[in-house]
Amino acid sequence: MTASPFVSFDKLAHLALFTLISLSWMVGLRKQSRFGYLREHFFPLVITAGIFYGIALELMQGALFVDRYADWKDALADALGVLLGALIFLALYGKIAFQNTSRRSLPGQLVERFLP
């Protein structure tokens, strides 16, 4: 097992893919109307699920494949990608994303406070 540098093509690929995954999940869950709870709480759910998904993939990679290993740097790049996706979502949709949602939810409160 060789140490991989933190800034490499592999880490940038992890970051980019998890940015797109989290952004897609957020847009999809916010636009759907069948499941009210998911529509109401999509923001923390996507962040939590995305981070756990990245960690689970790394753990499975280390446990199930002979020539592969789990890398905490990949999991960190995945988590940063999820957070970057959330920031891009807020930049693109802003307050519009949280209209008709509960004002008690943390994302709703943060948007009300910090976005114009």
C-alpha atoms as a PDB file:
ATOM      1  CA  MET A   1       0.000   0.000   0.000  1.00  0.00           C
ATOM      2  CA  THR A   2       1.553   3.255  -1.104  1.00  0.00           C
ATOM      3  CA  ALA A   3       0.655   6.630   0.289  1.00  0.00           C
ATOM      4  CA  SER A   4      -1.237   8.753  -2.200  1.00  0.00           C
ATOM      5  CA  PRO A   5      -0.923  12.532  -2.231  1.00  0.00           C
ATOM      6  CA  PHE A   6      -4.018  14.379  -1.136  1.00  0.00           C
ATOM      7  CA  VAL A   7      -4.215  16.498  -4.276  1.00  0.00           C
ATOM      8  CA  SER A   8      -4.224  14.035  -7.140  1.00  0.00           C
ATOM      9  CA  PHE A   9      -6.460  13.138 -10.049  1.00  0.00           C
ATOM     10  CA  ASP A  10      -8.070  10.405  -7.955  1.00  0.00           C
ATOM     11  CA  LYS A  11      -8.996  12.787  -5.136  1.00  0.00           C
ATOM     12  CA  LEU A  12     -10.278  15.421  -7.574  1.00  0.00           C
ATOM     13  CA  ALA A  13     -12.394  12.742  -9.248  1.00  0.00           C
ATOM     14  CA  HIS A  14     -13.876  11.754  -5.866  1.00  0.00           C
ATOM     15  CA  LEU A  15     -14.587  15.410  -5.097  1.00  0.00           C
ATOM     16  CA  ALA A  16     -16.214  16.062  -8.476  1.00  0.00           C
ATOM     17  CA  LEU A  17     -18.350  12.922  -8.477  1.00  0.00           C
ATOM     18  CA  PHE A  18     -19.671  13.441  -4.963  1.00  0.00           C
ATOM     19  CA  THR A  19     -20.357  17.097  -5.747  1.00  0.00           C
ATOM     20  CA  LEU A  20     -22.535  16.010  -8.666  1.00  0.00           C
ATOM     21  CA  ILE A  21     -24.177  13.235  -6.652  1.00  0.00           C
ATOM     22  CA  SER A  22     -25.141  15.508  -3.756  1.00  0.00           C
ATOM     23  CA  LEU A  23     -26.277  18.306  -6.056  1.00  0.00           C
ATOM     24  CA  SER A  24     -28.441  15.871  -8.025  1.00  0.00           C
ATOM     25  CA  TRP A  25     -29.935  14.408  -4.861  1.00  0.00           C
ATOM     26  CA  MET A  26     -30.758  17.858  -3.508  1.00  0.00           C
ATOM     27  CA  VAL A  27     -32.427  19.042  -6.682  1.00  0.00           C
ATOM     28  CA  GLY A  28     -34.334  15.786  -7.067  1.00  0.00           C
ATOM     29  CA  LEU A  29     -35.566  15.559  -3.482  1.00  0.00           C
ATOM     30  CA  ARG A  30     -36.548  19.222  -3.414  1.00  0.00           C
ATOM     31  CA  LYS A  31     -38.549  18.973  -6.640  1.00  0.00           C
ATOM     32  CA  GLN A  32     -40.374  15.748  -5.840  1.00  0.00           C
ATOM     33  CA  SER A  33     -43.798  16.055  -4.254  1.00  0.00           C
ATOM     34  CA  ARG A  34     -44.691  12.505  -3.249  1.00  0.00           C
ATOM     35  CA  PHE A  35     -42.768  12.326   0.033  1.00  0.00           C
ATOM     36  CA  GLY A  36     -43.307  15.443   2.130  1.00  0.00           C
ATOM     37  CA  TYR A  37     -40.716  14.582   4.767  1.00  0.00           C
ATOM     38  CA  LEU A  38     -37.967  14.218   2.167  1.00  0.00           C
ATOM     39  CA  ARG A  39     -38.999  17.476   0.521  1.00  0.00           C
ATOM     40  CA  GLU A  40     -39.020  19.251   3.856  1.00  0.00           C
ATOM     41  CA  HIS A  41     -35.707  17.900   5.203  1.00  0.00           C
ATOM     42  CA  PHE A  42     -33.735  17.176   2.033  1.00  0.00           C
ATOM     43  CA  PHE A  43     -30.740  19.343   2.920  1.00  0.00           C
ATOM     44  CA  PRO A  44     -29.473  17.625   6.103  1.00  0.00           C
ATOM     45  CA  LEU A  45     -30.567  14.228   4.783  1.00  0.00           C
ATOM     46  CA  VAL A  46     -28.488  14.541   1.618  1.00  0.00           C
ATOM     47  CA  ILE A  47     -25.434  15.786   3.508  1.00  0.00           C
ATOM     48  CA  THR A  48     -25.661  12.960   6.052  1.00  0.00           C
ATOM     49  CA  ALA A  49     -26.459  10.249   3.507  1.00  0.00           C
ATOM     50  CA  GLY A  50     -23.754  11.448   1.123  1.00  0.00           C
ATOM     51  CA  ILE A  51     -21.044  11.405   3.763  1.00  0.00           C
ATOM     52  CA  PHE A  52     -22.081   7.963   5.036  1.00  0.00           C
ATOM     53  CA  TYR A  53     -22.297   6.689   1.448  1.00  0.00           C
ATOM     54  CA  GLY A  54     -18.705   7.770   0.788  1.00  0.00           C
ATOM     55  CA  ILE A  55     -17.460   6.147   3.986  1.00  0.00           C
ATOM     56  CA  ALA A  56     -19.394   2.945   3.277  1.00  0.00           C
ATOM     57  CA  LEU A  57     -17.953   2.713  -0.243  1.00  0.00           C
ATOM     58  CA  GLU A  58     -14.435   3.045   1.105  1.00  0.00           C
ATOM     59  CA  LEU A  59     -14.999   0.434   3.813  1.00  0.00           C
ATOM     60  CA  MET A  60     -16.524  -2.009   1.322  1.00  0.00           C
ATOM     61  CA  GLN A  61     -13.662  -1.395  -1.085  1.00  0.00           C
ATOM     62  CA  GLY A  62     -11.185  -2.343   1.627  1.00  0.00           C
ATOM     63  CA  ALA A  63     -13.153  -5.358   2.810  1.00  0.00           C
ATOM     64  CA  LEU A  64     -14.447  -6.915  -0.411  1.00  0.00           C
ATOM     65  CA  PHE A  65     -11.680  -6.503  -2.973  1.00  0.00           C
ATOM     66  CA  VAL A  66      -8.273  -8.146  -2.835  1.00  0.00           C
ATOM     67  CA  ASP A  67      -6.244  -5.595  -4.796  1.00  0.00           C
ATOM     68  CA  ARG A  68      -7.971  -2.519  -3.377  1.00  0.00           C
ATOM     69  CA  TYR A  69      -7.793  -0.785  -0.033  1.00  0.00           C
ATOM     70  CA  ALA A  70      -9.814   1.740   1.923  1.00  0.00           C
ATOM     71  CA  ASP A  71      -8.299   5.218   1.933  1.00  0.00           C
ATOM     72  CA  TRP A  72      -9.404   7.820   4.449  1.00  0.00           C
ATOM     73  CA  LYS A  73      -8.299  10.516   2.004  1.00  0.00           C
ATOM     74  CA  ASP A  74     -10.842   9.237  -0.514  1.00  0.00           C
ATOM     75  CA  ALA A  75     -13.554   9.344   2.157  1.00  0.00           C
ATOM     76  CA  LEU A  76     -12.521  12.894   3.049  1.00  0.00           C
ATOM     77  CA  ALA A  77     -12.613  13.926  -0.613  1.00  0.00           C
ATOM     78  CA  ASP A  78     -16.091  12.363  -0.860  1.00  0.00           C
ATOM     79  CA  ALA A  79     -17.306  14.312   2.171  1.00  0.00           C
ATOM     80  CA  LEU A  80     -15.832  17.557   0.848  1.00  0.00           C
ATOM     81  CA  GLY A  81     -17.570  16.873  -2.458  1.00  0.00           C
ATOM     82  CA  VAL A  82     -20.903  16.494  -0.666  1.00  0.00           C
ATOM     83  CA  LEU A  83     -20.374  19.799   1.140  1.00  0.00           C
ATOM     84  CA  LEU A  84     -19.297  21.523  -2.068  1.00  0.00           C
ATOM     85  CA  GLY A  85     -22.454  20.237  -3.738  1.00  0.00           C
ATOM     86  CA  ALA A  86     -24.505  21.706  -0.899  1.00  0.00           C
ATOM     87  CA  LEU A  87     -22.785  25.084  -1.291  1.00  0.00           C
ATOM     88  CA  ILE A  88     -23.372  25.057  -5.034  1.00  0.00           C
ATOM     89  CA  PHE A  89     -27.021  24.183  -4.424  1.00  0.00           C
ATOM     90  CA  LEU A  90     -27.371  27.146  -2.066  1.00  0.00           C
ATOM     91  CA  ALA A  91     -25.630  29.433  -4.553  1.00  0.00           C
ATOM     92  CA  LEU A  92     -27.909  28.338  -7.399  1.00  0.00           C
ATOM     93  CA  TYR A  93     -31.235  28.157  -5.581  1.00  0.00           C
ATOM     94  CA  GLY A  94     -30.798  30.268  -2.432  1.00  0.00           C
ATOM     95  CA  LYS A  95     -34.021  31.118  -0.668  1.00  0.00           C
ATOM     96  CA  ILE A  96     -36.130  29.628  -3.432  1.00  0.00           C
ATOM     97  CA  ALA A  97     -35.052  26.154  -2.347  1.00  0.00           C
ATOM     98  CA  PHE A  98     -36.477  26.613   1.133  1.00  0.00           C
ATOM     99  CA  GLN A  99     -39.777  28.274   0.318  1.00  0.00           C
ATOM    100  CA  ASN A 100     -42.739  26.453   1.807  1.00  0.00           C
ATOM    101  CA  THR A 101     -40.524  24.523   4.201  1.00  0.00           C
ATOM    102  CA  SER A 102     -40.509  24.644   7.949  1.00  0.00           C
ATOM    103  CA  ARG A 103     -38.841  27.720   9.412  1.00  0.00           C
ATOM    104  CA  ARG A 104     -37.764  25.561  12.339  1.00  0.00           C
ATOM    105  CA  SER A 105     -35.442  23.492  10.192  1.00  0.00           C
ATOM    106  CA  LEU A 106     -31.798  24.444  10.535  1.00  0.00           C
ATOM    107  CA  PRO A 107     -31.203  24.981   6.792  1.00  0.00           C
ATOM    108  CA  GLY A 108     -34.290  27.174   6.610  1.00  0.00           C
ATOM    109  CA  GLN A 109     -33.049  29.270   9.518  1.00  0.00           C
ATOM    110  CA  LEU A 110     -29.556  29.592   8.048  1.00  0.00           C
ATOM    111  CA  VAL A 111     -30.886  30.656   4.673  1.00  0.00           C
ATOM    112  CA  GLU A 112     -33.205  33.207   6.248  1.00  0.00           C
ATOM    113  CA  ARG A 113     -30.334  34.641   8.244  1.00  0.00           C
ATOM    114  CA  PHE A 114     -27.452  34.685   5.782  1.00  0.00           C
ATOM    115  CA  LEU A 115     -28.885  34.900   2.266  1.00  0.00           C
ATOM    116  CA  PRO A 116     -30.422  38.164   1.056  1.00  0.00           C
END
